[in-house]
N, C-alpha and C. Protein backbone atom coordinates (compact mmCIF):
# COMPACT_ATOMS: atom_id res chain seq x y z
N MET A 1 26.10 4.70 6.34
CA MET A 1 25.22 3.51 6.80
C MET A 1 24.25 3.12 5.62
N PRO A 2 24.31 1.87 5.70
CA PRO A 2 23.40 1.00 5.14
C PRO A 2 21.96 1.46 4.96
N SER A 3 21.51 1.26 4.12
CA SER A 3 19.97 1.39 3.74
C SER A 3 19.49 0.08 3.36
N VAL A 4 18.06 0.05 3.84
CA VAL A 4 17.15 -1.38 3.65
C VAL A 4 15.90 -0.66 3.08
N THR A 5 15.33 -1.01 2.10
CA THR A 5 14.08 -0.84 1.62
C THR A 5 12.84 -1.65 2.34
N ILE A 6 12.00 -1.18 2.87
CA ILE A 6 11.01 -0.99 3.87
C ILE A 6 9.57 -1.03 2.99
N TYR A 7 9.04 -1.74 2.44
CA TYR A 7 7.36 -1.17 2.33
C TYR A 7 6.27 -1.28 3.34
N PRO A 8 6.21 0.10 3.83
CA PRO A 8 5.32 0.01 5.27
C PRO A 8 4.26 -0.59 5.63
N GLU A 9 3.22 -0.21 4.14
CA GLU A 9 2.03 -0.84 4.46
C GLU A 9 1.94 -2.62 4.06
N GLY A 10 2.76 -3.12 3.99
CA GLY A 10 3.15 -4.63 3.89
C GLY A 10 2.12 -5.13 2.66
N CYS A 11 1.59 -4.09 1.32
CA CYS A 11 0.92 -4.65 0.30
C CYS A 11 0.51 -3.59 -0.35
N THR A 12 -0.21 -3.85 -1.68
CA THR A 12 -0.52 -2.62 -2.37
C THR A 12 -1.94 -2.10 -2.44
N THR A 13 -2.29 -1.12 -2.62
CA THR A 13 -3.91 -0.57 -2.43
C THR A 13 -4.33 -0.09 -3.84
N ASN A 14 -5.45 0.35 -3.77
CA ASN A 14 -6.07 0.75 -5.14
C ASN A 14 -5.04 2.13 -6.10
N GLY A 15 -4.08 2.59 -5.67
CA GLY A 15 -3.47 3.09 -6.18
C GLY A 15 -3.90 4.74 -5.90
N THR A 16 -4.78 5.08 -4.94
CA THR A 16 -5.71 6.49 -4.83
C THR A 16 -5.46 6.85 -2.94
N CYS A 17 -5.47 5.60 -2.57
CA CYS A 17 -4.72 5.80 -0.95
C CYS A 17 -3.98 5.09 -0.11
N ILE A 18 -3.70 5.21 0.84
CA ILE A 18 -2.13 4.62 1.51
C ILE A 18 -2.94 4.45 3.08
N ILE A 19 -2.75 2.68 2.94
CA ILE A 19 -3.51 2.53 4.30
C ILE A 19 -2.69 2.19 5.27
N LYS A 20 -2.92 1.99 6.79
CA LYS A 20 -2.02 2.27 7.55
C LYS A 20 -0.95 1.39 7.63
N PHE A 21 0.19 1.98 8.32
CA PHE A 21 1.56 1.31 8.03
C PHE A 21 1.77 0.05 9.21
N ARG A 22 2.21 -1.17 8.94
CA ARG A 22 2.98 -2.13 9.99
C ARG A 22 4.02 -1.40 10.77
N LYS A 23 4.09 -2.01 11.47
CA LYS A 23 5.39 -1.54 12.69
C LYS A 23 6.51 -1.71 11.69
N GLY A 24 7.24 -2.21 10.89
CA GLY A 24 8.41 -2.91 10.69
C GLY A 24 9.65 -1.52 10.41
N ALA A 25 8.91 -0.80 9.54
CA ALA A 25 9.67 0.50 9.49
C ALA A 25 10.05 1.60 10.60
N PHE A 26 9.18 1.49 11.59
CA PHE A 26 9.00 2.37 12.56
C PHE A 26 9.06 1.85 13.88
N GLY A 27 9.38 0.84 13.99
CA GLY A 27 9.47 0.06 15.63
C GLY A 27 10.64 0.63 15.68
N SER A 28 12.05 0.81 15.21
CA SER A 28 12.98 0.93 15.89
C SER A 28 13.13 2.59 16.35
N LEU A 29 11.98 3.22 15.82
CA LEU A 29 12.37 5.07 15.41
C LEU A 29 13.47 5.88 14.96
N ARG A 30 14.09 5.04 14.08
CA ARG A 30 14.96 5.76 13.19
C ARG A 30 14.44 6.33 12.28
N LYS A 31 15.34 7.39 12.03
CA LYS A 31 15.05 8.16 10.54
C LYS A 31 15.30 7.18 9.26
N VAL A 32 13.79 7.91 8.64
CA VAL A 32 13.55 6.81 7.37
C VAL A 32 13.46 7.85 6.40
N LYS A 33 13.40 7.52 5.07
CA LYS A 33 13.46 8.55 3.93
C LYS A 33 12.29 7.96 2.75
N PRO A 34 11.30 8.43 3.06
CA PRO A 34 10.25 7.65 2.40
C PRO A 34 9.86 8.26 0.59
N TYR A 35 9.82 7.35 -0.08
CA TYR A 35 9.50 7.54 -1.43
C TYR A 35 7.86 6.89 -1.47
N PHE A 36 7.34 7.42 -2.88
CA PHE A 36 5.98 6.96 -3.02
C PHE A 36 6.21 6.96 -4.69
N SER A 37 5.30 5.90 -5.24
CA SER A 37 5.42 6.12 -6.71
C SER A 37 4.07 6.09 -7.11
N LYS A 38 3.52 6.63 -8.26
CA LYS A 38 2.38 6.99 -8.81
C LYS A 38 2.55 6.17 -10.42
N ILE A 39 1.61 5.47 -10.38
CA ILE A 39 1.05 4.76 -12.17
C ILE A 39 0.27 5.76 -13.01
N TRP A 40 0.33 6.36 -14.08
CA TRP A 40 -0.38 6.82 -15.13
C TRP A 40 -0.66 6.11 -16.28
N THR A 41 -1.71 5.98 -16.44
CA THR A 41 -1.94 5.19 -18.14
C THR A 41 -3.02 5.98 -18.49
N LEU A 42 -3.05 5.84 -19.67
CA LEU A 42 -3.83 6.41 -21.11
C LEU A 42 -5.07 6.19 -20.91
N THR A 43 -5.41 5.21 -20.26
CA THR A 43 -7.26 4.38 -19.93
C THR A 43 -7.72 4.94 -18.69
N GLY A 44 -6.63 5.25 -17.56
CA GLY A 44 -7.10 5.19 -16.26
C GLY A 44 -7.10 4.11 -15.26
N ILE A 45 -6.91 3.31 -15.80
CA ILE A 45 -6.92 1.54 -15.24
C ILE A 45 -5.71 1.48 -14.68
N ARG A 46 -5.60 1.67 -13.27
CA ARG A 46 -4.60 1.35 -12.47
C ARG A 46 -4.47 -0.10 -12.55
N PRO A 47 -2.87 -0.28 -12.91
CA PRO A 47 -2.42 -1.75 -12.78
C PRO A 47 -2.18 -2.36 -11.33
N VAL A 48 -3.07 -2.22 -10.51
CA VAL A 48 -2.81 -2.78 -9.19
C VAL A 48 -3.52 -4.02 -8.79
N HIS A 49 -3.26 -4.26 -7.59
CA HIS A 49 -3.54 -5.54 -7.01
C HIS A 49 -3.25 -6.66 -7.84
N GLY A 50 -1.93 -7.14 -8.40
CA GLY A 50 -1.73 -7.63 -8.95
C GLY A 50 -1.79 -9.28 -8.35
N ASP A 51 -1.52 -9.33 -6.81
CA ASP A 51 -2.09 -10.34 -6.70
C ASP A 51 -3.10 -10.86 -6.07
N SER A 52 -3.98 -10.25 -6.78
CA SER A 52 -5.73 -10.43 -6.95
C SER A 52 -6.23 -11.37 -8.04
N ILE A 53 -5.12 -11.45 -9.18
CA ILE A 53 -5.38 -12.00 -10.43
C ILE A 53 -4.44 -12.64 -10.88
N SER A 54 -4.38 -13.28 -11.81
CA SER A 54 -3.53 -13.77 -12.49
C SER A 54 -2.21 -13.16 -13.07
N THR A 55 -1.38 -13.93 -13.12
CA THR A 55 0.04 -12.83 -14.01
C THR A 55 -0.28 -12.68 -14.96
N TRP A 56 -0.80 -13.15 -16.04
CA TRP A 56 -1.48 -13.13 -17.08
C TRP A 56 -2.17 -12.25 -17.53
N ALA A 57 -3.34 -12.19 -16.90
CA ALA A 57 -3.94 -10.87 -16.94
C ALA A 57 -3.38 -9.69 -16.34
N TYR A 58 -2.39 -9.85 -15.24
CA TYR A 58 -2.00 -8.48 -14.54
C TYR A 58 -1.28 -7.93 -15.46
N PHE A 59 -0.33 -8.63 -16.35
CA PHE A 59 0.33 -7.90 -17.65
C PHE A 59 -0.52 -7.58 -18.70
N GLY A 60 -1.52 -8.78 -18.83
CA GLY A 60 -2.45 -8.14 -20.15
C GLY A 60 -2.93 -6.82 -19.67
N ILE A 61 -3.31 -5.93 -18.36
CA ILE A 61 -3.75 -5.07 -18.31
C ILE A 61 -2.37 -3.75 -18.27
N LEU A 62 -1.39 -4.24 -17.73
CA LEU A 62 -0.56 -3.12 -17.64
C LEU A 62 -0.15 -2.93 -19.17
N PHE A 63 0.31 -4.03 -20.03
CA PHE A 63 1.09 -3.49 -20.96
C PHE A 63 -0.45 -3.31 -22.69
N GLY A 64 -1.52 -3.71 -21.91
CA GLY A 64 -2.55 -3.84 -23.04
C GLY A 64 -2.89 -1.82 -23.22
N GLN A 65 -2.37 -1.31 -22.16
CA GLN A 65 -2.62 0.11 -22.42
C GLN A 65 -1.91 0.99 -23.46
N GLY A 66 -0.91 0.38 -24.05
CA GLY A 66 -0.13 0.84 -24.88
C GLY A 66 0.81 1.76 -24.14
N PHE A 67 0.84 2.71 -23.07
CA PHE A 67 1.70 3.83 -22.86
C PHE A 67 1.04 3.72 -21.15
N ASN A 68 2.12 3.63 -20.14
CA ASN A 68 2.22 3.56 -19.01
C ASN A 68 3.30 4.60 -18.61
N MET A 69 3.11 5.20 -17.23
CA MET A 69 4.37 6.40 -16.98
C MET A 69 4.25 6.20 -15.72
N TYR A 70 5.68 5.17 -15.13
CA TYR A 70 5.73 5.22 -13.76
C TYR A 70 6.59 6.51 -13.02
N THR A 71 6.27 6.84 -11.93
CA THR A 71 7.18 7.89 -11.54
C THR A 71 7.48 7.61 -9.97
N LEU A 72 8.91 7.80 -9.72
CA LEU A 72 9.41 7.49 -8.19
C LEU A 72 9.10 8.73 -7.38
N TYR A 73 8.68 9.17 -6.39
CA TYR A 73 8.76 10.79 -5.77
C TYR A 73 9.95 10.04 -4.36
N GLU A 74 10.44 11.13 -4.31
CA GLU A 74 11.89 10.75 -3.22
C GLU A 74 11.50 12.12 -2.36
N MET A 75 11.21 11.56 -1.07
CA MET A 75 11.01 12.62 0.14
C MET A 75 11.94 12.86 0.64
N PRO A 76 12.11 14.00 1.40
CA PRO A 76 13.28 14.27 2.78
C PRO A 76 13.43 13.34 3.74
N VAL A 77 14.39 13.27 4.28
CA VAL A 77 14.91 11.83 5.64
C VAL A 77 14.11 12.62 6.43
N PHE A 78 13.45 12.10 7.27
CA PHE A 78 12.69 12.32 8.30
C PHE A 78 12.76 11.22 9.72
N GLU A 79 13.28 12.28 10.65
CA GLU A 79 13.62 11.77 12.06
C GLU A 79 13.23 12.16 13.16
N PRO A 80 12.40 11.44 13.73
CA PRO A 80 11.81 12.23 15.07
C PRO A 80 12.43 12.58 16.11
N ASN A 81 12.19 13.65 16.45
CA ASN A 81 12.93 14.37 17.77
C ASN A 81 11.82 14.98 18.53
N GLU A 82 12.44 15.53 19.82
CA GLU A 82 11.47 16.09 20.50
C GLU A 82 10.51 17.15 20.23
N TYR A 83 10.46 17.72 19.48
CA TYR A 83 9.43 18.89 19.17
C TYR A 83 8.42 17.68 18.41
N PHE A 84 8.96 16.50 17.46
CA PHE A 84 8.11 15.68 16.92
C PHE A 84 7.04 14.74 18.25
N TRP A 85 7.40 14.63 19.20
CA TRP A 85 6.93 13.83 20.38
C TRP A 85 6.23 14.56 20.86
N LYS A 86 6.64 15.93 21.29
CA LYS A 86 5.85 16.49 22.02
C LYS A 86 4.25 17.25 21.26
N HIS A 87 4.26 16.88 19.97
CA HIS A 87 3.12 17.70 19.43
C HIS A 87 2.22 16.52 18.78
N HIS A 88 2.86 15.34 18.52
CA HIS A 88 2.44 14.29 17.73
C HIS A 88 1.74 12.80 18.66
N TRP A 89 2.19 12.93 19.81
CA TRP A 89 2.33 11.74 20.50
C TRP A 89 1.31 12.23 21.73
N ASP A 90 0.44 11.06 22.12
CA ASP A 90 -0.45 11.39 22.91
C ASP A 90 0.37 10.72 24.38
N GLY A 91 1.38 10.15 24.29
CA GLY A 91 1.93 9.60 25.68
C GLY A 91 1.09 8.08 25.90
N LYS A 92 0.01 7.92 25.06
CA LYS A 92 -1.02 6.88 25.27
C LYS A 92 -0.82 5.94 24.61
N GLU A 93 -0.57 5.67 23.16
CA GLU A 93 -0.13 4.76 22.66
C GLU A 93 1.34 4.72 22.44
N GLN A 94 1.59 3.02 21.55
CA GLN A 94 2.99 3.28 21.36
C GLN A 94 3.52 4.53 20.12
N LYS A 95 4.91 4.52 20.62
CA LYS A 95 5.31 5.59 20.22
C LYS A 95 5.38 5.12 18.59
N TRP A 96 5.97 4.09 18.04
CA TRP A 96 5.73 3.53 16.57
C TRP A 96 4.75 3.94 16.09
N ILE A 97 3.72 3.59 16.22
CA ILE A 97 1.87 4.32 15.89
C ILE A 97 2.13 5.59 15.56
N ALA A 98 2.46 6.47 16.39
CA ALA A 98 2.44 7.98 16.37
C ALA A 98 3.56 8.21 15.37
N TYR A 99 4.78 7.92 15.26
CA TYR A 99 5.73 8.11 13.84
C TYR A 99 4.75 7.64 12.75
N ALA A 100 4.21 6.36 12.65
CA ALA A 100 3.65 5.47 11.50
C ALA A 100 2.65 6.47 10.54
N ARG A 101 1.72 6.70 11.95
CA ARG A 101 0.55 7.69 11.53
C ARG A 101 1.16 9.10 11.02
N ALA A 102 1.85 9.32 10.92
CA ALA A 102 2.42 10.99 11.16
C ALA A 102 3.58 10.80 9.47
N MET A 103 3.99 9.73 9.26
CA MET A 103 4.56 9.71 8.15
C MET A 103 3.42 9.12 7.01
N GLN A 104 2.46 8.60 7.48
CA GLN A 104 1.63 8.01 6.63
C GLN A 104 0.57 9.10 6.22
N ILE A 105 -0.03 10.61 6.76
CA ILE A 105 -0.44 11.51 6.96
C ILE A 105 0.52 12.43 5.71
N ILE A 106 2.05 12.73 6.12
CA ILE A 106 2.81 13.13 5.02
C ILE A 106 2.66 12.84 3.60
N MET A 107 2.97 11.69 3.70
CA MET A 107 2.96 10.82 2.37
C MET A 107 1.79 10.78 1.66
N ALA A 108 0.35 11.01 2.19
CA ALA A 108 -0.96 11.14 1.60
C ALA A 108 -1.05 12.23 1.32
N GLU A 109 -0.53 13.47 1.84
CA GLU A 109 -0.61 14.71 1.38
C GLU A 109 0.23 15.01 0.40
N GLN A 110 1.67 14.96 0.48
CA GLN A 110 2.52 15.02 -0.65
C GLN A 110 2.30 14.18 -2.00
N GLY A 111 1.05 13.23 -2.11
CA GLY A 111 1.06 12.21 -2.93
C GLY A 111 -0.43 12.75 -3.32
N GLY A 112 -1.23 13.34 -2.70
CA GLY A 112 -2.50 13.54 -2.84
C GLY A 112 -3.43 12.28 -2.66
N PHE A 113 -2.74 11.48 -1.82
CA PHE A 113 -3.44 10.11 -1.70
C PHE A 113 -4.83 10.61 -0.58
N GLU A 114 -5.54 9.30 -0.65
CA GLU A 114 -6.78 9.58 0.77
C GLU A 114 -5.66 8.46 1.99
N LEU A 115 -5.81 9.20 2.85
CA LEU A 115 -5.65 8.07 4.21
C LEU A 115 -6.98 6.84 4.44
N SER A 116 -6.54 5.70 4.56
CA SER A 116 -7.29 4.64 4.67
C SER A 116 -7.22 4.19 5.93
N ASP A 117 -8.07 3.65 6.77
CA ASP A 117 -8.10 2.89 8.15
C ASP A 117 -7.90 1.55 7.54
N SER A 118 -8.10 1.06 6.60
CA SER A 118 -7.42 -0.09 6.09
C SER A 118 -6.33 -0.94 6.60
N MET A 119 -5.67 -2.04 6.49
CA MET A 119 -4.91 -2.52 6.76
C MET A 119 -4.61 -3.59 6.15
N MET A 120 -3.10 -4.38 6.21
CA MET A 120 -2.70 -5.39 4.90
C MET A 120 -3.50 -6.38 5.37
N GLU A 121 -3.71 -6.49 6.78
CA GLU A 121 -4.61 -8.03 7.21
C GLU A 121 -5.96 -7.97 6.56
N ASP A 122 -6.38 -6.58 6.19
CA ASP A 122 -7.72 -6.38 5.04
C ASP A 122 -7.83 -6.71 3.59
N MET A 123 -6.52 -6.87 3.30
CA MET A 123 -6.07 -6.95 2.03
C MET A 123 -5.96 -8.69 1.99
N LEU A 124 -5.23 -8.99 2.91
CA LEU A 124 -5.24 -10.44 2.91
C LEU A 124 -6.57 -11.37 3.04
N GLU A 125 -7.74 -11.02 4.05
CA GLU A 125 -8.87 -11.19 4.23
C GLU A 125 -9.83 -11.19 2.77
N TYR A 126 -9.51 -9.94 2.14
CA TYR A 126 -10.33 -9.74 0.24
C TYR A 126 -9.49 -10.80 -0.45
N ARG A 127 -8.62 -11.03 -0.23
CA ARG A 127 -7.44 -12.12 -0.89
C ARG A 127 -8.30 -13.57 -0.88
N LYS A 128 -8.56 -13.92 0.18
CA LYS A 128 -9.04 -14.93 0.91
C LYS A 128 -10.57 -14.76 0.18
N LEU A 129 -11.31 -14.17 0.68
CA LEU A 129 -12.79 -14.16 0.09
C LEU A 129 -13.00 -14.35 -1.59
N MET A 130 -11.61 -13.40 -2.30
CA MET A 130 -11.95 -13.51 -3.76
C MET A 130 -11.40 -14.94 -4.20
N LYS A 131 -10.64 -15.74 -3.42
CA LYS A 131 -10.12 -17.52 -4.20
C LYS A 131 -11.00 -18.00 -3.81
N SER A 132 -12.14 -17.97 -2.53
CA SER A 132 -13.08 -18.67 -2.26
C SER A 132 -14.21 -18.61 -2.98
N HIS A 133 -14.44 -17.32 -3.76
CA HIS A 133 -15.24 -17.32 -4.55
C HIS A 133 -15.14 -17.38 -5.83
N LYS A 134 -13.84 -17.73 -6.44
CA LYS A 134 -13.60 -18.02 -7.53
C LYS A 134 -14.18 -19.25 -7.79
N SER A 135 -13.37 -20.51 -6.59
CA SER A 135 -13.85 -21.94 -6.09
C SER A 135 -15.04 -22.24 -6.44
N VAL A 136 -16.16 -21.16 -5.65
CA VAL A 136 -17.70 -21.55 -5.58
C VAL A 136 -17.69 -21.39 -7.38
N ILE A 137 -17.42 -20.43 -7.61
CA ILE A 137 -18.10 -19.92 -9.59
C ILE A 137 -17.42 -21.34 -10.01
N LYS A 138 -16.06 -21.85 -9.98
CA LYS A 138 -15.61 -23.07 -10.68
C LYS A 138 -16.71 -23.86 -10.40
N GLY A 139 -16.95 -24.55 -9.35
CA GLY A 139 -17.98 -25.47 -8.88
C GLY A 139 -19.13 -25.40 -9.25
N HIS A 140 -20.06 -24.09 -9.72
CA HIS A 140 -21.00 -23.86 -10.07
C HIS A 140 -21.00 -24.76 -11.65
N VAL A 141 -19.95 -24.18 -12.32
CA VAL A 141 -19.94 -24.16 -13.78
C VAL A 141 -19.80 -25.56 -14.08
N GLY A 142 -18.92 -26.20 -13.10
CA GLY A 142 -18.83 -27.87 -13.67
C GLY A 142 -20.12 -28.12 -13.11
N GLU A 143 -21.11 -28.19 -12.64
CA GLU A 143 -21.98 -28.64 -12.21
C GLU A 143 -23.23 -28.41 -12.80
N ASP A 144 -23.43 -27.16 -13.81
CA ASP A 144 -23.94 -26.82 -15.39
C ASP A 144 -23.82 -28.22 -16.12
N LYS A 145 -22.43 -28.52 -16.35
CA LYS A 145 -22.12 -29.23 -17.21
C LYS A 145 -22.24 -30.88 -17.02
N LYS A 146 -22.83 -31.12 -16.27
CA LYS A 146 -23.44 -32.63 -15.63
C LYS A 146 -24.55 -32.91 -16.49
């Protein structure tokens, strides 16, 4: 069976938590093979949120630390079954939500991550806020030179 790689969060986080998953990987209720990754650096600075800073600043952070170690962790295939639905689904929410939540919890436990109630939309709102903040700062700098 062909495989497809899907990033269920829809974006990156600060490297310490897992945000709520989106429907894509779980909507069909088919089996999934979870992976998660971790980045270790000498300085402890995590080169995440690359979309919130310039490309050059991102690479400066990533490669300016001297040594980085990237590890990809592979977990066993998971497929929801009758036992899963009986014990992890309340019958009120959509099935994919229960499936996604269970996978978020399992991956957080295995990876030592915190769970977050944030969603990709929160990240997009943050990015929008940061861009507007940068333009306001640039506008004030330009006014000071007049």
